[in-house]
N, C-alpha and C. Protein backbone atom coordinates (compact mmCIF):
# COMPACT_ATOMS: atom_id res chain seq x y z
N LYS A 1 -57.12 77.25 48.15
CA LYS A 1 -55.92 77.90 48.66
C LYS A 1 -54.84 77.86 47.61
N GLU A 2 -53.81 78.67 47.81
CA GLU A 2 -52.68 78.62 46.89
C GLU A 2 -52.03 77.25 46.93
N ASN A 3 -51.60 76.79 45.78
CA ASN A 3 -50.98 75.47 45.70
C ASN A 3 -49.75 75.56 44.81
N PRO A 4 -48.69 76.22 45.30
CA PRO A 4 -47.50 76.40 44.46
C PRO A 4 -46.79 75.07 44.21
N MET A 5 -46.16 74.97 43.05
CA MET A 5 -45.41 73.78 42.70
C MET A 5 -44.02 74.19 42.23
N GLU A 6 -43.03 73.44 42.66
CA GLU A 6 -41.65 73.68 42.23
C GLU A 6 -41.27 72.58 41.26
N LEU A 7 -40.81 72.97 40.08
CA LEU A 7 -40.58 71.99 39.03
C LEU A 7 -39.27 72.25 38.31
N PHE A 8 -38.45 71.23 38.20
CA PHE A 8 -37.30 71.25 37.29
C PHE A 8 -37.58 70.22 36.21
N GLN A 9 -37.54 70.64 34.97
CA GLN A 9 -37.69 69.70 33.86
C GLN A 9 -36.29 69.46 33.29
N ILE A 10 -35.80 68.24 33.43
CA ILE A 10 -34.42 67.92 33.08
C ILE A 10 -34.44 66.87 31.98
N TRP A 11 -33.79 67.17 30.87
CA TRP A 11 -33.75 66.26 29.73
C TRP A 11 -32.35 65.68 29.58
N LEU A 12 -32.30 64.36 29.41
CA LEU A 12 -31.03 63.68 29.11
C LEU A 12 -31.06 63.23 27.66
N ASN A 13 -30.01 63.52 26.95
CA ASN A 13 -29.89 63.06 25.57
C ASN A 13 -29.68 61.54 25.56
N LEU A 14 -29.88 60.94 24.39
CA LEU A 14 -29.61 59.52 24.18
C LEU A 14 -28.54 59.37 23.11
N PRO A 15 -27.69 58.35 23.21
CA PRO A 15 -26.77 58.08 22.10
C PRO A 15 -27.57 57.70 20.86
N ALA A 16 -26.97 57.89 19.69
CA ALA A 16 -27.67 57.64 18.42
C ALA A 16 -28.26 56.23 18.37
N LYS A 17 -27.55 55.24 18.91
CA LYS A 17 -28.01 53.85 18.83
C LYS A 17 -29.30 53.62 19.61
N ASN A 18 -29.62 54.52 20.54
CA ASN A 18 -30.83 54.37 21.36
C ASN A 18 -31.94 55.35 21.00
N LYS A 19 -31.73 56.16 19.97
CA LYS A 19 -32.71 57.21 19.66
C LYS A 19 -34.10 56.63 19.31
N MET A 20 -34.13 55.48 18.64
CA MET A 20 -35.41 54.97 18.15
C MET A 20 -35.88 53.72 18.91
N VAL A 21 -35.41 53.54 20.14
CA VAL A 21 -35.86 52.38 20.92
C VAL A 21 -37.31 52.58 21.35
N ASP A 22 -37.96 51.51 21.75
CA ASP A 22 -39.34 51.61 22.24
C ASP A 22 -39.37 52.51 23.47
N PRO A 23 -40.40 53.36 23.59
CA PRO A 23 -40.48 54.25 24.75
C PRO A 23 -40.67 53.46 26.05
N GLU A 24 -40.14 54.02 27.12
CA GLU A 24 -40.25 53.39 28.43
C GLU A 24 -40.22 54.49 29.48
N TYR A 25 -40.97 54.30 30.53
CA TYR A 25 -40.86 55.26 31.63
C TYR A 25 -40.92 54.52 32.96
N LYS A 26 -40.41 55.16 33.97
CA LYS A 26 -40.49 54.62 35.32
C LYS A 26 -40.92 55.73 36.27
N MET A 27 -41.77 55.39 37.19
CA MET A 27 -42.13 56.32 38.24
C MET A 27 -41.11 56.19 39.37
N LEU A 28 -40.71 57.30 39.93
CA LEU A 28 -39.81 57.29 41.09
C LEU A 28 -40.63 57.80 42.27
N TRP A 29 -41.06 56.88 43.11
CA TRP A 29 -41.96 57.24 44.21
C TRP A 29 -41.17 57.82 45.38
N HIS A 30 -41.88 58.61 46.17
CA HIS A 30 -41.25 59.36 47.26
C HIS A 30 -40.44 58.45 48.19
N ASP A 31 -40.98 57.28 48.53
CA ASP A 31 -40.28 56.43 49.49
C ASP A 31 -39.11 55.67 48.87
N GLU A 32 -38.92 55.79 47.54
CA GLU A 32 -37.78 55.16 46.88
C GLU A 32 -36.60 56.12 46.74
N ILE A 33 -36.86 57.41 46.93
CA ILE A 33 -35.82 58.41 46.70
C ILE A 33 -34.85 58.42 47.88
N ILE A 34 -33.57 58.38 47.58
CA ILE A 34 -32.54 58.35 48.62
C ILE A 34 -32.40 59.73 49.25
N LYS A 35 -32.57 59.78 50.56
CA LYS A 35 -32.42 61.04 51.30
C LYS A 35 -31.39 60.81 52.40
N GLU A 36 -30.44 61.73 52.50
CA GLU A 36 -29.40 61.62 53.51
C GLU A 36 -29.31 62.92 54.31
N GLN A 37 -29.20 62.80 55.61
CA GLN A 37 -28.95 63.97 56.45
C GLN A 37 -27.54 63.84 57.01
N LEU A 38 -26.69 64.79 56.65
CA LEU A 38 -25.30 64.79 57.09
C LEU A 38 -25.05 65.99 57.99
N LYS A 39 -23.90 66.02 58.64
CA LYS A 39 -23.49 67.18 59.42
C LYS A 39 -22.06 67.54 59.07
N ASP A 40 -21.79 68.84 58.95
CA ASP A 40 -20.43 69.27 58.67
C ASP A 40 -19.60 69.26 59.95
N ASP A 41 -18.37 69.70 59.87
CA ASP A 41 -17.47 69.65 61.02
C ASP A 41 -17.98 70.44 62.22
N ASN A 42 -18.82 71.44 61.96
CA ASN A 42 -19.34 72.28 63.04
C ASN A 42 -20.75 71.88 63.46
N GLY A 43 -21.23 70.76 62.96
CA GLY A 43 -22.55 70.27 63.36
C GLY A 43 -23.71 70.85 62.56
N HIS A 44 -23.42 71.65 61.52
CA HIS A 44 -24.49 72.21 60.70
C HIS A 44 -25.06 71.13 59.78
N VAL A 45 -26.37 71.13 59.58
CA VAL A 45 -27.05 70.07 58.83
C VAL A 45 -26.95 70.31 57.32
N VAL A 46 -26.69 69.22 56.60
CA VAL A 46 -26.71 69.22 55.13
C VAL A 46 -27.63 68.07 54.70
N ASN A 47 -28.72 68.41 54.01
CA ASN A 47 -29.65 67.40 53.52
C ASN A 47 -29.42 67.15 52.03
N CYS A 48 -29.20 65.89 51.66
CA CYS A 48 -28.99 65.51 50.27
C CYS A 48 -30.16 64.64 49.81
N VAL A 49 -30.67 64.92 48.62
CA VAL A 49 -31.72 64.11 48.01
C VAL A 49 -31.22 63.67 46.64
N TRP A 50 -31.15 62.35 46.40
CA TRP A 50 -30.57 61.81 45.17
C TRP A 50 -31.66 61.15 44.34
N TYR A 51 -32.01 61.78 43.22
CA TYR A 51 -33.02 61.22 42.32
C TYR A 51 -32.39 60.23 41.35
N CYS A 52 -31.13 60.46 41.02
CA CYS A 52 -30.38 59.57 40.12
C CYS A 52 -28.92 59.64 40.53
N GLY A 53 -28.28 58.49 40.72
CA GLY A 53 -26.90 58.50 41.17
C GLY A 53 -26.78 58.97 42.61
N ASN A 54 -25.55 59.11 43.06
CA ASN A 54 -25.31 59.51 44.45
C ASN A 54 -23.85 59.92 44.57
N LEU A 55 -23.59 61.13 44.96
CA LEU A 55 -22.21 61.60 45.09
C LEU A 55 -21.57 61.19 46.41
N ASN A 56 -22.37 60.74 47.36
CA ASN A 56 -21.81 60.33 48.64
C ASN A 56 -21.49 58.84 48.68
N ASP A 57 -22.30 58.02 48.01
CA ASP A 57 -22.10 56.58 48.06
C ASP A 57 -22.81 55.94 46.88
N ASN A 58 -22.07 55.56 45.84
CA ASN A 58 -22.68 55.01 44.63
C ASN A 58 -23.27 53.62 44.82
N ARG A 59 -23.08 53.02 45.98
CA ARG A 59 -23.73 51.72 46.24
C ARG A 59 -25.16 51.92 46.74
N HIS A 60 -25.50 53.15 47.10
CA HIS A 60 -26.79 53.45 47.72
C HIS A 60 -27.56 54.35 46.75
N LEU A 61 -28.38 53.73 45.86
CA LEU A 61 -28.99 54.47 44.77
C LEU A 61 -30.51 54.38 44.83
N SER A 62 -31.17 55.40 44.24
CA SER A 62 -32.60 55.33 44.03
C SER A 62 -32.87 54.33 42.91
N ALA A 63 -34.13 54.17 42.52
CA ALA A 63 -34.51 53.16 41.53
C ALA A 63 -33.69 53.29 40.23
N LYS A 64 -33.44 52.15 39.60
CA LYS A 64 -32.66 52.10 38.36
C LYS A 64 -33.41 52.83 37.25
N PRO A 65 -32.73 53.67 36.46
CA PRO A 65 -33.38 54.35 35.33
C PRO A 65 -33.79 53.34 34.25
N PRO A 66 -34.63 53.75 33.28
CA PRO A 66 -34.96 52.86 32.16
C PRO A 66 -33.69 52.34 31.48
N LYS A 67 -33.75 51.12 30.97
CA LYS A 67 -32.54 50.42 30.52
C LYS A 67 -31.83 51.09 29.36
N ASN A 68 -32.52 51.88 28.53
CA ASN A 68 -31.86 52.53 27.40
C ASN A 68 -31.41 53.96 27.71
N SER A 69 -31.66 54.40 28.93
CA SER A 69 -31.23 55.74 29.33
C SER A 69 -29.71 55.80 29.48
N TRP A 70 -29.13 56.96 29.19
CA TRP A 70 -27.70 57.17 29.42
C TRP A 70 -27.38 57.01 30.90
N ALA A 71 -28.36 57.27 31.76
CA ALA A 71 -28.16 57.18 33.20
C ALA A 71 -28.14 55.73 33.70
N PHE A 72 -28.57 54.77 32.88
CA PHE A 72 -28.66 53.37 33.32
C PHE A 72 -27.28 52.80 33.66
N ASP A 73 -26.28 53.15 32.86
CA ASP A 73 -24.92 52.66 33.07
C ASP A 73 -24.23 53.52 34.12
N VAL A 74 -23.92 52.95 35.29
CA VAL A 74 -23.34 53.73 36.39
C VAL A 74 -21.99 54.32 36.02
N GLU A 75 -21.32 53.73 35.00
CA GLU A 75 -20.02 54.27 34.59
C GLU A 75 -20.14 55.64 33.93
N ASN A 76 -21.34 56.03 33.51
CA ASN A 76 -21.55 57.37 32.95
C ASN A 76 -21.71 58.43 34.04
N GLU A 77 -21.76 57.97 35.30
CA GLU A 77 -21.79 58.85 36.48
C GLU A 77 -22.84 59.96 36.38
N VAL A 78 -24.02 59.60 35.88
CA VAL A 78 -25.12 60.57 35.84
C VAL A 78 -25.65 60.77 37.26
N VAL A 79 -25.72 62.02 37.68
CA VAL A 79 -26.24 62.35 39.01
C VAL A 79 -27.22 63.52 38.88
N ILE A 80 -28.38 63.36 39.50
CA ILE A 80 -29.35 64.45 39.64
C ILE A 80 -29.71 64.49 41.12
N GLY A 81 -29.46 65.61 41.77
CA GLY A 81 -29.75 65.69 43.19
C GLY A 81 -29.91 67.13 43.66
N THR A 82 -30.51 67.27 44.83
CA THR A 82 -30.59 68.58 45.47
C THR A 82 -29.88 68.52 46.81
N ILE A 83 -29.23 69.63 47.14
CA ILE A 83 -28.50 69.76 48.40
C ILE A 83 -29.07 70.96 49.15
N GLU A 84 -29.44 70.75 50.40
CA GLU A 84 -29.90 71.84 51.25
C GLU A 84 -28.89 72.04 52.37
N LEU A 85 -28.34 73.23 52.45
CA LEU A 85 -27.36 73.55 53.48
C LEU A 85 -27.98 74.50 54.50
N ALA A 86 -27.90 74.14 55.77
CA ALA A 86 -28.36 75.04 56.83
C ALA A 86 -27.49 76.30 56.84
N GLU A 87 -27.92 77.29 57.55
CA GLU A 87 -27.16 78.54 57.67
C GLU A 87 -25.73 78.24 58.11
N ASN A 88 -24.74 78.77 57.36
CA ASN A 88 -23.31 78.61 57.63
C ASN A 88 -22.77 77.19 57.43
N ALA A 89 -23.57 76.30 56.87
CA ALA A 89 -23.10 74.93 56.64
C ALA A 89 -22.19 74.87 55.43
N HIS A 90 -21.37 73.82 55.35
CA HIS A 90 -20.58 73.59 54.15
C HIS A 90 -20.61 72.10 53.82
N TRP A 91 -20.40 71.80 52.53
CA TRP A 91 -20.45 70.42 52.03
C TRP A 91 -19.38 70.26 50.98
N CYS A 92 -18.71 69.12 51.00
CA CYS A 92 -17.62 68.87 50.06
C CYS A 92 -18.12 68.02 48.90
N LEU A 93 -18.01 68.56 47.69
CA LEU A 93 -18.37 67.86 46.46
C LEU A 93 -17.13 67.10 46.00
N PRO A 94 -17.16 65.75 46.02
CA PRO A 94 -15.94 64.99 45.72
C PRO A 94 -15.54 65.08 44.26
N SER A 95 -14.27 64.86 44.00
CA SER A 95 -13.77 64.84 42.62
C SER A 95 -14.14 63.50 41.97
N SER A 96 -14.04 63.46 40.63
CA SER A 96 -14.32 62.24 39.88
C SER A 96 -13.09 61.84 39.07
N ASP A 97 -12.87 60.54 38.93
CA ASP A 97 -11.75 60.05 38.12
C ASP A 97 -11.97 60.31 36.63
N LEU A 98 -13.22 60.61 36.23
CA LEU A 98 -13.49 60.87 34.81
C LEU A 98 -12.94 62.21 34.36
N GLY A 99 -12.73 63.13 35.31
CA GLY A 99 -12.13 64.43 34.97
C GLY A 99 -12.86 65.18 33.88
N ASP A 100 -12.16 65.51 32.78
CA ASP A 100 -12.73 66.32 31.70
C ASP A 100 -13.87 65.63 30.96
N GLU A 101 -13.95 64.31 31.05
CA GLU A 101 -15.04 63.59 30.37
C GLU A 101 -16.39 63.87 31.03
N LEU A 102 -16.37 64.32 32.27
CA LEU A 102 -17.58 64.50 33.05
C LEU A 102 -18.01 65.96 33.05
N LYS A 103 -19.27 66.21 32.71
CA LYS A 103 -19.84 67.55 32.81
C LYS A 103 -20.57 67.66 34.14
N ARG A 104 -20.26 68.69 34.89
CA ARG A 104 -20.87 68.86 36.23
C ARG A 104 -21.21 70.31 36.45
N CYS A 105 -22.41 70.58 36.94
CA CYS A 105 -22.75 71.97 37.26
C CYS A 105 -23.62 72.01 38.51
N VAL A 106 -23.64 73.17 39.11
CA VAL A 106 -24.47 73.42 40.29
C VAL A 106 -25.35 74.64 39.98
N TYR A 107 -26.65 74.51 40.25
CA TYR A 107 -27.60 75.62 40.07
C TYR A 107 -28.09 76.03 41.45
N PHE A 108 -27.83 77.27 41.82
CA PHE A 108 -28.18 77.80 43.14
C PHE A 108 -29.56 78.45 43.03
N PHE A 109 -30.61 77.73 43.51
CA PHE A 109 -31.97 78.21 43.26
C PHE A 109 -32.70 78.76 44.48
N GLU A 110 -32.11 78.62 45.67
CA GLU A 110 -32.77 79.19 46.85
C GLU A 110 -31.73 79.56 47.89
N GLY A 111 -31.78 80.80 48.37
CA GLY A 111 -30.83 81.25 49.38
C GLY A 111 -30.25 82.60 49.04
N ASP A 112 -29.21 83.01 49.78
CA ASP A 112 -28.61 84.34 49.62
C ASP A 112 -27.31 84.29 48.81
N GLU A 113 -26.33 83.58 49.34
CA GLU A 113 -25.01 83.54 48.70
C GLU A 113 -24.30 82.26 49.11
N ILE A 114 -23.64 81.65 48.14
CA ILE A 114 -22.77 80.52 48.46
C ILE A 114 -21.39 80.78 47.88
N GLN A 115 -20.43 80.07 48.42
CA GLN A 115 -19.05 80.19 47.94
C GLN A 115 -18.57 78.81 47.52
N LEU A 116 -17.95 78.75 46.34
CA LEU A 116 -17.37 77.50 45.85
C LEU A 116 -15.86 77.63 45.95
N GLU A 117 -15.22 76.70 46.63
CA GLU A 117 -13.78 76.76 46.82
C GLU A 117 -13.12 75.47 46.37
N SER A 118 -12.06 75.61 45.57
CA SER A 118 -11.21 74.47 45.23
C SER A 118 -9.79 74.83 45.67
N SER A 119 -8.84 73.96 45.36
CA SER A 119 -7.46 74.24 45.75
C SER A 119 -6.89 75.42 44.99
N SER A 120 -7.49 75.80 43.86
CA SER A 120 -6.89 76.85 43.03
C SER A 120 -7.75 78.10 42.86
N GLU A 121 -9.04 78.05 43.21
CA GLU A 121 -9.87 79.25 43.02
C GLU A 121 -11.04 79.29 43.98
N GLN A 122 -11.67 80.46 44.01
CA GLN A 122 -12.82 80.70 44.89
C GLN A 122 -13.82 81.56 44.13
N VAL A 123 -15.09 81.15 44.10
CA VAL A 123 -16.12 81.86 43.35
C VAL A 123 -17.34 82.01 44.23
N SER A 124 -17.99 83.17 44.20
CA SER A 124 -19.24 83.39 44.92
C SER A 124 -20.40 83.37 43.94
N LEU A 125 -21.51 82.76 44.35
CA LEU A 125 -22.71 82.70 43.53
C LEU A 125 -23.88 83.32 44.27
N ASN A 126 -24.71 84.05 43.53
CA ASN A 126 -25.96 84.56 44.05
C ASN A 126 -27.10 83.67 43.57
N GLN A 127 -28.27 83.84 44.18
CA GLN A 127 -29.43 83.03 43.82
C GLN A 127 -29.72 83.09 42.32
N HIS A 128 -30.15 81.97 41.76
CA HIS A 128 -30.50 81.81 40.34
C HIS A 128 -29.29 81.91 39.42
N GLN A 129 -28.13 81.57 39.92
CA GLN A 129 -26.94 81.45 39.08
C GLN A 129 -26.54 79.99 38.98
N MET A 130 -25.99 79.62 37.82
CA MET A 130 -25.48 78.27 37.62
C MET A 130 -24.00 78.36 37.29
N PHE A 131 -23.25 77.36 37.74
CA PHE A 131 -21.81 77.38 37.54
C PHE A 131 -21.35 76.00 37.11
N GLN A 132 -20.57 75.93 36.04
CA GLN A 132 -20.01 74.66 35.59
C GLN A 132 -18.73 74.40 36.37
N LEU A 133 -18.59 73.17 36.88
CA LEU A 133 -17.48 72.83 37.75
C LEU A 133 -16.49 71.91 37.05
N ASP A 134 -15.27 71.95 37.50
CA ASP A 134 -14.22 71.03 37.05
C ASP A 134 -14.36 69.77 37.90
N ALA A 135 -14.82 68.67 37.27
CA ALA A 135 -15.11 67.45 38.03
C ALA A 135 -13.85 66.76 38.54
N SER A 136 -12.68 67.17 38.05
CA SER A 136 -11.44 66.55 38.54
C SER A 136 -11.00 67.15 39.88
N LYS A 137 -11.69 68.21 40.31
CA LYS A 137 -11.31 68.88 41.57
C LYS A 137 -12.38 68.69 42.64
N GLN A 138 -11.93 68.54 43.86
CA GLN A 138 -12.83 68.54 45.01
C GLN A 138 -13.27 69.98 45.25
N ILE A 139 -14.56 70.19 45.42
CA ILE A 139 -15.10 71.55 45.61
C ILE A 139 -15.80 71.63 46.96
N ASN A 140 -15.45 72.62 47.73
CA ASN A 140 -16.12 72.88 48.99
C ASN A 140 -17.20 73.94 48.76
N ILE A 141 -18.44 73.62 49.11
CA ILE A 141 -19.56 74.55 48.95
C ILE A 141 -19.90 75.10 50.33
N ILE A 142 -19.83 76.42 50.47
CA ILE A 142 -20.02 77.08 51.76
C ILE A 142 -21.23 78.00 51.67
N ASN A 143 -22.19 77.80 52.56
CA ASN A 143 -23.37 78.66 52.60
C ASN A 143 -23.04 79.92 53.40
N LYS A 144 -23.23 81.08 52.77
CA LYS A 144 -22.88 82.35 53.41
C LYS A 144 -24.10 83.09 53.99
N GLY A 145 -25.29 82.46 53.93
CA GLY A 145 -26.49 83.15 54.44
C GLY A 145 -27.47 82.16 55.03
N GLN A 146 -28.76 82.47 54.87
CA GLN A 146 -29.80 81.60 55.39
C GLN A 146 -29.77 80.26 54.66
N ALA A 147 -30.59 79.31 55.14
CA ALA A 147 -30.62 77.99 54.53
C ALA A 147 -30.79 78.11 53.02
N CYS A 148 -30.06 77.31 52.28
CA CYS A 148 -30.07 77.43 50.82
C CYS A 148 -30.21 76.06 50.18
N ARG A 149 -30.61 76.06 48.90
CA ARG A 149 -30.76 74.81 48.17
C ARG A 149 -30.10 74.91 46.80
N LEU A 150 -29.50 73.79 46.39
CA LEU A 150 -28.77 73.71 45.12
C LEU A 150 -29.26 72.50 44.35
N LEU A 151 -29.23 72.61 43.03
CA LEU A 151 -29.46 71.47 42.16
C LEU A 151 -28.11 71.05 41.59
N ILE A 152 -27.77 69.78 41.74
CA ILE A 152 -26.51 69.24 41.22
C ILE A 152 -26.82 68.37 40.00
N LEU A 153 -26.16 68.63 38.88
CA LEU A 153 -26.33 67.84 37.67
C LEU A 153 -24.95 67.42 37.16
N GLN A 154 -24.82 66.16 36.80
CA GLN A 154 -23.57 65.74 36.19
C GLN A 154 -23.79 64.50 35.33
N GLY A 155 -22.86 64.28 34.41
CA GLY A 155 -22.89 63.08 33.59
C GLY A 155 -21.75 63.10 32.60
N LYS A 156 -21.32 61.91 32.22
CA LYS A 156 -20.31 61.79 31.19
C LYS A 156 -20.88 62.23 29.86
N ALA A 157 -20.11 63.01 29.09
CA ALA A 157 -20.58 63.49 27.80
C ALA A 157 -20.74 62.33 26.82
N ILE A 158 -21.82 62.33 26.04
CA ILE A 158 -22.06 61.28 25.06
C ILE A 158 -21.06 61.39 23.91
N GLY A 159 -20.68 62.63 23.55
CA GLY A 159 -19.65 62.82 22.54
C GLY A 159 -20.12 62.59 21.12
N GLU A 160 -21.40 62.91 20.84
CA GLU A 160 -21.96 62.77 19.49
C GLU A 160 -22.57 64.09 19.06
N PRO A 161 -22.71 64.33 17.75
CA PRO A 161 -23.33 65.58 17.29
C PRO A 161 -24.78 65.66 17.75
N VAL A 162 -25.25 66.88 17.97
CA VAL A 162 -26.62 67.11 18.43
C VAL A 162 -27.32 68.04 17.45
N ALA A 163 -28.50 67.64 17.00
CA ALA A 163 -29.37 68.50 16.19
C ALA A 163 -30.69 68.58 16.92
N HIS A 164 -31.15 69.79 17.24
CA HIS A 164 -32.41 69.88 17.98
C HIS A 164 -33.27 71.02 17.47
N HIS A 165 -34.56 70.83 17.57
CA HIS A 165 -35.53 71.86 17.20
C HIS A 165 -36.82 71.54 17.93
N GLY A 166 -37.38 72.54 18.62
CA GLY A 166 -38.60 72.29 19.39
C GLY A 166 -38.36 71.17 20.39
N PRO A 167 -39.25 70.19 20.45
CA PRO A 167 -39.10 69.11 21.43
C PRO A 167 -38.21 67.97 20.96
N PHE A 168 -37.68 68.05 19.74
CA PHE A 168 -36.96 66.92 19.18
C PHE A 168 -35.45 67.12 19.28
N VAL A 169 -34.75 66.08 19.72
CA VAL A 169 -33.30 66.09 19.79
C VAL A 169 -32.80 64.85 19.05
N MET A 170 -32.09 65.08 17.95
CA MET A 170 -31.57 63.98 17.14
C MET A 170 -30.08 64.22 16.91
N ASN A 171 -29.49 63.50 15.94
CA ASN A 171 -28.06 63.66 15.66
C ASN A 171 -27.78 64.40 14.37
N THR A 172 -28.76 64.43 13.46
CA THR A 172 -28.58 65.12 12.17
C THR A 172 -29.85 65.88 11.81
N GLN A 173 -29.72 66.83 10.88
CA GLN A 173 -30.89 67.57 10.39
C GLN A 173 -31.87 66.63 9.68
N LYS A 174 -31.35 65.65 8.98
CA LYS A 174 -32.20 64.69 8.28
C LYS A 174 -33.08 63.91 9.28
N GLU A 175 -32.48 63.50 10.40
CA GLU A 175 -33.25 62.80 11.43
C GLU A 175 -34.31 63.70 12.04
N LEU A 176 -33.98 64.99 12.20
CA LEU A 176 -34.97 65.95 12.71
C LEU A 176 -36.17 66.05 11.79
N GLN A 177 -35.91 66.17 10.49
CA GLN A 177 -37.00 66.26 9.52
C GLN A 177 -37.87 65.00 9.57
N GLN A 178 -37.25 63.84 9.76
CA GLN A 178 -38.00 62.60 9.85
C GLN A 178 -38.87 62.58 11.11
N ALA A 179 -38.32 63.08 12.21
CA ALA A 179 -39.08 63.12 13.47
C ALA A 179 -40.31 64.01 13.32
N PHE A 180 -40.16 65.18 12.70
CA PHE A 180 -41.30 66.07 12.48
C PHE A 180 -42.33 65.39 11.58
N SER A 181 -41.85 64.72 10.54
CA SER A 181 -42.74 64.03 9.61
C SER A 181 -43.52 62.92 10.32
N ASP A 182 -42.82 62.14 11.16
CA ASP A 182 -43.48 61.07 11.90
C ASP A 182 -44.56 61.64 12.81
N TYR A 183 -44.24 62.73 13.47
CA TYR A 183 -45.21 63.33 14.39
C TYR A 183 -46.44 63.85 13.64
N GLN A 184 -46.21 64.56 12.53
CA GLN A 184 -47.33 65.11 11.77
C GLN A 184 -48.21 64.01 11.18
N ARG A 185 -47.58 62.88 10.85
CA ARG A 185 -48.33 61.79 10.22
C ARG A 185 -49.11 60.96 11.23
N THR A 186 -48.52 60.69 12.40
CA THR A 186 -49.15 59.73 13.32
C THR A 186 -49.27 60.23 14.76
N GLN A 187 -48.75 61.43 15.07
CA GLN A 187 -48.65 61.85 16.48
C GLN A 187 -47.98 60.75 17.31
N PHE A 188 -46.96 60.11 16.72
CA PHE A 188 -46.25 59.01 17.36
C PHE A 188 -47.19 57.87 17.74
N GLY A 189 -48.10 57.55 16.83
CA GLY A 189 -48.97 56.39 17.05
C GLY A 189 -50.32 56.74 17.62
N GLY A 190 -50.55 58.02 17.93
CA GLY A 190 -51.86 58.41 18.47
C GLY A 190 -51.97 58.18 19.96
N TRP A 191 -53.04 58.65 20.53
CA TRP A 191 -53.30 58.53 21.97
C TRP A 191 -54.20 57.32 22.18
N PRO A 192 -53.70 56.27 22.84
CA PRO A 192 -54.46 55.02 22.90
C PRO A 192 -55.54 54.97 23.99
N PHE A 193 -55.65 56.03 24.80
CA PHE A 193 -56.55 55.98 25.94
C PHE A 193 -57.87 56.69 25.62
N ASP A 194 -58.91 56.39 26.39
CA ASP A 194 -60.23 56.96 26.12
C ASP A 194 -60.46 58.30 26.83
N ARG A 195 -59.46 58.80 27.51
CA ARG A 195 -59.58 60.11 28.16
C ARG A 195 -58.20 60.79 28.17
N HIS A 196 -58.20 62.12 28.33
CA HIS A 196 -56.94 62.88 28.26
C HIS A 196 -56.19 62.89 29.59
N ASP A 197 -56.91 62.68 30.69
CA ASP A 197 -56.28 62.79 32.02
C ASP A 197 -56.15 61.41 32.67
N VAL A 198 -55.47 60.50 31.96
CA VAL A 198 -55.30 59.14 32.46
C VAL A 198 -54.46 59.14 33.72
N VAL A 199 -54.90 58.39 34.73
CA VAL A 199 -54.10 58.19 35.94
C VAL A 199 -53.79 56.70 36.03
N HIS A 200 -52.51 56.36 36.02
CA HIS A 200 -52.11 54.96 36.07
C HIS A 200 -52.11 54.43 37.50
N ASP A 201 -52.32 53.13 37.62
CA ASP A 201 -52.34 52.52 38.96
C ASP A 201 -51.01 52.73 39.68
């Protein structure tokens, strides 16, 4: 039978001091992911899923990211989450004290139309549009059609130069050349397993 998959591939940069740390990964299992069901003033359901951080309550978080990740330090306010709004529902995206230091955007990936309202402006988005938000302002998100879903991304800017090519993200062109050289020479140490489709316990 058909087996569709929905995938967002999200990359977080690292500060220069962490670029060459030992690799580390963590699995985030389904039962560890923070899920919240809220209701707006009119009783419409809003479902929030927080993979990293939490805009509703920073004391209630999913598993801690790897220790060298930019997301590990809660003061960087890294948030990755999805919001599902029932028909005609609305949800308030709170402001942050970091203001201009914080990059925040919303990607509208399922639904008809949403409206973003702050104290000073109002913007409508159609499906598959992304909008960068002013994190110093409280934003009201209003669903204008059938149930819709949004991807919320935010984090404090690292504030360092970025050099990138292909899969490599470094801080200088010289570091990029070294990364390509390392890969061509060793494939980053080679594949240590006896099969290509390893499944970990």
